[in-house]
Each structure stands twice: as structure tokens, then as C-alpha cells.
Amino acid sequence: MKTLHPKQEKLLEILKSHIADPLTMEELAEQLDVSAKSVVFHHIKQLEKKGFLKRNPSNPRDYMILKDPEKNVVYLKMYGMAKCGPEGTILDGTPTRIVPVDPSMIYFPACKGFMVEAKGDSMENLISPKDWLIVEQSRQPKNKDVVVCVNNGEVLVKRFTKDGDNVILQSENPHYTPIVADKTSFHVEGIVRSIIKRNFSC
């Protein structure tokens, strides 16, 4: 692992502790005890270069911690499965929490990862309500992949199936009827790669 300058270690801790409510460059400079925003920007670029941080180029306050020098974890944003607008994506929303995850659970670049908490019983026995799903951002699933998708503004977890020109969204629970995806509003947010079971019953 590449070593960090003491200021970069401190900056990473500040970014990590404020990831749910990001600070401005001025606030970061004050917390880091430096006089210029350019110094903060330099250290941020170094954190990105060394693989500890990834920022959204269109929104610098939207970032993801890719490595923790103290613990071998990555941090994934969890999003709620609320309704979206016609062109909406859940990734435009505010994360409900930031979850530290063991890197061994992620088989793709962490910068493409996000999480959702399952609701409803349509995917039982594979996925239960309140299970946490680790998802890889992708708009191009393979046939039979389990996906997080948006259809008619509703966020769903379904099995993606192609039937000619149609996309069929299938549930694992046989009590639910397959859904023919709306060709104008349907899109895939990502492919479910791991399921964290959260059955709290003894």
C-alpha cells in the first residue's frame, strides 16, 4: 500500500467522518489547519492518485473512500428504494448510510459499487426483506442476472430476462406475476453481486 503524507492521513479521516455531510474546501482547509484551498486540493488529488479516494467529477463533494489505511475495508453508499422520476436514478438521491465492507466481498472495482436494502418478499427465497445487496453499477446485464432497476418510476429488484424485444422482470417468489418492462421508462441501475443476509431471528 502506498504511504500517505501525515496531512493526507488526517484529510482522509476528515473526509471519512463527514462523508454523509461533505465539507466545503474552505471547511476542509480549516479542519486540516492549512491556509490555502490549493493545499487541500493537492492532497485530495494525491489521495485519488494513490487509490484511497474517488470523486464525482461533476460534484466534488460527492466522493467515495476506496481504502482505509487503518482497516482493510472499503466504503459503499447505500441508497433507498424510493420512487424515481421518469428519467430518475436512485444514485442521484442522498445515501441513507455509508457501509464499511470487506474488500473480499467485492469482485469488481469498488468505485462502481453501491448498496440497497431489499424490501418486500417478491425475491424470496433468494433475497429476504432487509437483506443488504451489494450492487455493481451497470446498464448492461446478462440474461438471468438479478438486477436493481427502475420501471415506470418504481425501483425494483428482479431477475432480468430477455424475450425477443421485450424485457421480462421475474420474481423468485412464484406468487408474483412476471412484469413486462416498459420500453420507454425501464433502465437497469446495476447487477446484484453479493447478498448480506440479515435475518435477526434466533
Protein backbone atom coordinates (compact mmCIF):
# COMPACT_ATOMS: atom_id res chain seq x y z
CA MET A 1 0.00 0.00 0.00
CA LYS A 2 1.34 3.44 -0.91
CA THR A 3 2.31 5.54 2.09
CA LEU A 4 0.43 8.70 2.93
CA HIS A 5 1.72 12.10 3.99
CA PRO A 6 0.52 12.93 7.55
CA LYS A 7 -1.73 15.65 6.12
CA GLN A 8 -3.24 13.11 3.73
CA GLU A 9 -3.90 10.68 6.57
CA LYS A 10 -5.64 13.45 8.51
CA LEU A 11 -7.57 14.59 5.42
CA LEU A 12 -8.75 11.03 4.74
CA GLU A 13 -10.05 10.77 8.31
CA ILE A 14 -11.86 14.10 7.93
CA LEU A 15 -13.40 13.03 4.62
CA LYS A 16 -14.43 9.68 6.10
CA SER A 17 -16.08 11.23 9.16
CA HIS A 18 -18.04 13.75 7.06
CA ILE A 19 -18.92 11.54 4.09
CA ALA A 20 -22.66 11.79 4.81
CA ASP A 21 -22.48 15.61 5.02
CA PRO A 22 -19.42 16.68 2.97
CA LEU A 23 -17.45 19.76 3.92
CA THR A 24 -16.57 22.62 1.58
CA MET A 25 -12.96 23.22 0.52
CA GLU A 26 -12.81 26.14 2.96
CA GLU A 27 -14.03 23.93 5.81
CA LEU A 28 -11.57 21.21 4.85
CA ALA A 29 -8.71 23.74 4.88
CA GLU A 30 -9.76 24.89 8.34
CA GLN A 31 -10.03 21.32 9.68
CA LEU A 32 -6.68 20.43 8.11
CA ASP A 33 -5.13 23.60 9.57
CA VAL A 34 -3.76 24.88 6.25
CA SER A 35 -4.05 28.39 4.87
CA ALA A 36 -4.91 27.70 1.22
CA LYS A 37 -7.58 25.62 -0.55
CA SER A 38 -4.94 24.73 -3.14
CA VAL A 39 -3.09 22.71 -0.48
CA VAL A 40 -6.26 20.74 0.26
CA PHE A 41 -6.83 20.20 -3.46
CA HIS A 42 -3.26 18.91 -3.87
CA HIS A 43 -3.68 16.35 -1.08
CA ILE A 44 -7.08 15.29 -2.45
CA LYS A 45 -5.51 14.66 -5.86
CA GLN A 46 -2.76 12.62 -4.18
CA LEU A 47 -5.36 10.52 -2.34
CA GLU A 48 -7.06 9.87 -5.67
CA LYS A 49 -3.76 9.03 -7.36
CA LYS A 50 -2.83 6.59 -4.58
CA GLY A 51 -6.19 4.83 -4.82
CA PHE A 52 -7.71 5.89 -1.50
CA LEU A 53 -10.39 8.23 -2.85
CA LYS A 54 -12.68 8.65 -5.85
CA ARG A 55 -14.60 11.86 -6.50
CA ASN A 56 -17.53 12.57 -8.79
CA PRO A 57 -16.05 14.92 -11.44
CA SER A 58 -19.34 16.80 -11.75
CA ASN A 59 -19.77 17.16 -7.97
CA PRO A 60 -16.52 17.33 -5.94
CA ARG A 61 -18.44 16.94 -2.66
CA ASP A 62 -19.69 13.54 -3.82
CA TYR A 63 -16.87 11.10 -3.13
CA MET A 64 -16.15 7.52 -2.14
CA ILE A 65 -13.48 6.23 0.23
CA LEU A 66 -11.86 3.28 -1.57
CA LYS A 67 -9.35 2.26 1.09
CA ASP A 68 -8.91 2.78 4.80
CA PRO A 69 -5.23 2.77 5.84
CA GLU A 70 -6.18 1.66 9.36
CA LYS A 71 -8.59 -1.11 8.39
CA ASN A 72 -8.82 -3.26 5.31
CA VAL A 73 -12.27 -2.03 4.29
CA VAL A 74 -13.94 -0.10 1.52
CA TYR A 75 -16.96 2.16 1.99
CA LEU A 76 -20.09 1.77 -0.11
CA LYS A 77 -23.06 4.12 -0.25
CA MET A 78 -26.45 2.61 0.50
CA TYR A 79 -29.50 4.04 -1.29
CA GLY A 80 -33.16 3.73 -0.50
CA MET A 81 -35.53 2.07 -2.95
CA ALA A 82 -37.81 5.08 -3.30
CA LYS A 83 -39.72 6.05 -6.44
CA CYS A 84 -37.76 7.95 -9.11
CA GLY A 85 -38.90 10.40 -11.75
CA PRO A 86 -39.29 9.32 -15.41
CA GLU A 87 -35.56 9.75 -16.06
CA GLY A 88 -34.62 9.21 -12.42
CA THR A 89 -31.88 7.13 -10.91
CA ILE A 90 -31.56 6.19 -7.26
CA LEU A 91 -27.88 7.17 -7.46
CA ASP A 92 -28.93 10.83 -7.78
CA GLY A 93 -30.51 10.60 -4.34
CA THR A 94 -28.98 11.00 -0.91
CA PRO A 95 -27.42 7.83 0.51
CA THR A 96 -29.21 6.52 3.59
CA ARG A 97 -25.92 5.39 5.14
CA ILE A 98 -22.29 4.59 4.40
CA VAL A 99 -21.38 0.93 4.95
CA PRO A 100 -17.83 -0.39 5.56
CA VAL A 101 -17.38 -3.62 3.58
CA ASP A 102 -14.64 -6.22 3.49
CA PRO A 103 -12.94 -5.93 0.06
CA SER A 104 -13.11 -9.72 -0.34
CA MET A 105 -16.88 -9.33 -0.82
CA ILE A 106 -16.40 -7.17 -3.92
CA TYR A 107 -15.34 -8.78 -7.19
CA PHE A 108 -15.35 -5.56 -9.23
CA PRO A 109 -13.86 -2.04 -8.86
CA ALA A 110 -15.15 -0.55 -5.60
CA CYS A 111 -15.78 2.78 -7.34
CA LYS A 112 -18.61 1.07 -9.27
CA GLY A 113 -20.26 -0.32 -6.14
CA PHE A 114 -23.33 0.72 -4.17
CA MET A 115 -25.81 -0.98 -1.86
CA VAL A 116 -29.57 -1.18 -1.36
CA GLU A 117 -31.69 -2.71 1.38
CA ALA A 118 -34.24 -5.15 0.00
CA LYS A 119 -37.92 -4.69 0.75
CA GLY A 120 -40.92 -6.91 0.12
CA ASP A 121 -40.99 -10.67 -0.39
CA SER A 122 -41.07 -10.93 -4.20
CA MET A 123 -37.50 -12.31 -4.37
CA GLU A 124 -37.77 -14.91 -1.62
CA ASN A 125 -36.22 -17.48 -1.24
CA LEU A 126 -33.17 -15.82 -2.74
CA ILE A 127 -33.49 -12.38 -1.13
CA SER A 128 -35.44 -11.57 2.04
CA PRO A 129 -36.73 -8.22 3.29
CA LYS A 130 -33.98 -6.15 4.94
CA ASP A 131 -31.16 -8.08 3.25
CA TRP A 132 -28.35 -5.83 2.07
CA LEU A 133 -27.44 -6.12 -1.60
CA ILE A 134 -24.01 -5.21 -2.96
CA VAL A 135 -24.54 -3.97 -6.49
CA GLU A 136 -22.20 -3.23 -9.38
CA GLN A 137 -23.25 -0.21 -11.44
CA SER A 138 -24.05 -1.43 -14.95
CA ARG A 139 -26.67 -0.75 -17.60
CA GLN A 140 -25.89 -3.98 -19.50
CA PRO A 141 -26.92 -7.07 -17.52
CA LYS A 142 -26.72 -10.58 -18.90
CA ASN A 143 -29.78 -12.77 -19.25
CA LYS A 144 -30.95 -14.14 -15.87
CA ASP A 145 -28.90 -11.61 -13.84
CA VAL A 146 -30.58 -10.28 -10.70
CA VAL A 147 -30.71 -6.51 -11.12
CA VAL A 148 -31.69 -3.33 -9.35
CA CYS A 149 -33.76 -1.46 -11.93
CA VAL A 150 -36.29 1.31 -12.44
CA ASN A 151 -39.56 0.61 -14.24
CA ASN A 152 -42.29 3.25 -14.53
CA GLY A 153 -40.54 5.19 -11.77
CA GLU A 154 -40.55 2.24 -9.36
CA VAL A 155 -37.27 0.83 -8.07
CA LEU A 156 -37.28 -2.97 -8.20
CA VAL A 157 -35.02 -5.95 -7.58
CA LYS A 158 -35.85 -8.59 -10.20
CA ARG A 159 -34.34 -11.26 -12.41
CA PHE A 160 -33.65 -9.79 -15.84
CA THR A 161 -34.85 -11.96 -18.74
CA LYS A 162 -34.93 -11.19 -22.46
CA ASP A 163 -37.89 -12.44 -24.51
CA GLY A 164 -37.42 -11.25 -28.08
CA ASP A 165 -37.63 -7.45 -27.99
CA ASN A 166 -39.17 -7.46 -24.52
CA VAL A 167 -37.52 -7.46 -21.11
CA ILE A 168 -39.31 -9.61 -18.55
CA LEU A 169 -38.77 -8.84 -14.86
CA GLN A 170 -39.22 -12.05 -12.94
CA SER A 171 -39.66 -12.61 -9.21
CA GLU A 172 -38.26 -15.61 -7.36
CA ASN A 173 -41.49 -15.89 -5.38
CA PRO A 174 -43.98 -17.81 -7.59
CA HIS A 175 -46.90 -15.83 -6.13
CA TYR A 176 -45.80 -12.78 -8.15
CA THR A 177 -46.62 -12.39 -11.84
CA PRO A 178 -43.73 -11.51 -14.21
CA ILE A 179 -43.62 -7.88 -15.33
CA VAL A 180 -43.07 -6.78 -18.93
CA ALA A 181 -40.70 -3.82 -18.65
CA ASP A 182 -41.88 -0.51 -20.08
CA LYS A 183 -39.66 0.23 -23.09
CA THR A 184 -39.71 3.99 -22.54
CA SER A 185 -39.04 4.16 -18.79
CA PHE A 186 -37.13 0.98 -17.93
CA HIS A 187 -33.42 1.04 -17.12
CA VAL A 188 -31.04 -1.04 -15.07
CA GLU A 189 -29.13 0.61 -12.21
CA GLY A 190 -26.82 -2.32 -11.52
CA ILE A 191 -26.30 -6.05 -11.12
CA VAL A 192 -26.58 -7.69 -7.69
CA ARG A 193 -23.21 -9.29 -6.93
CA SER A 194 -23.49 -10.21 -3.24
CA ILE A 195 -26.28 -10.63 -0.69
CA ILE A 196 -25.74 -9.95 3.00
CA LYS A 197 -28.41 -11.91 4.84
CA ARG A 198 -29.91 -10.03 7.78
CA ASN A 199 -32.35 -12.48 9.35
CA PHE A 200 -32.25 -11.49 13.01
CA SER A 201 -34.38 -14.38 14.30
CA CYS A 202 -32.60 -16.80 16.64
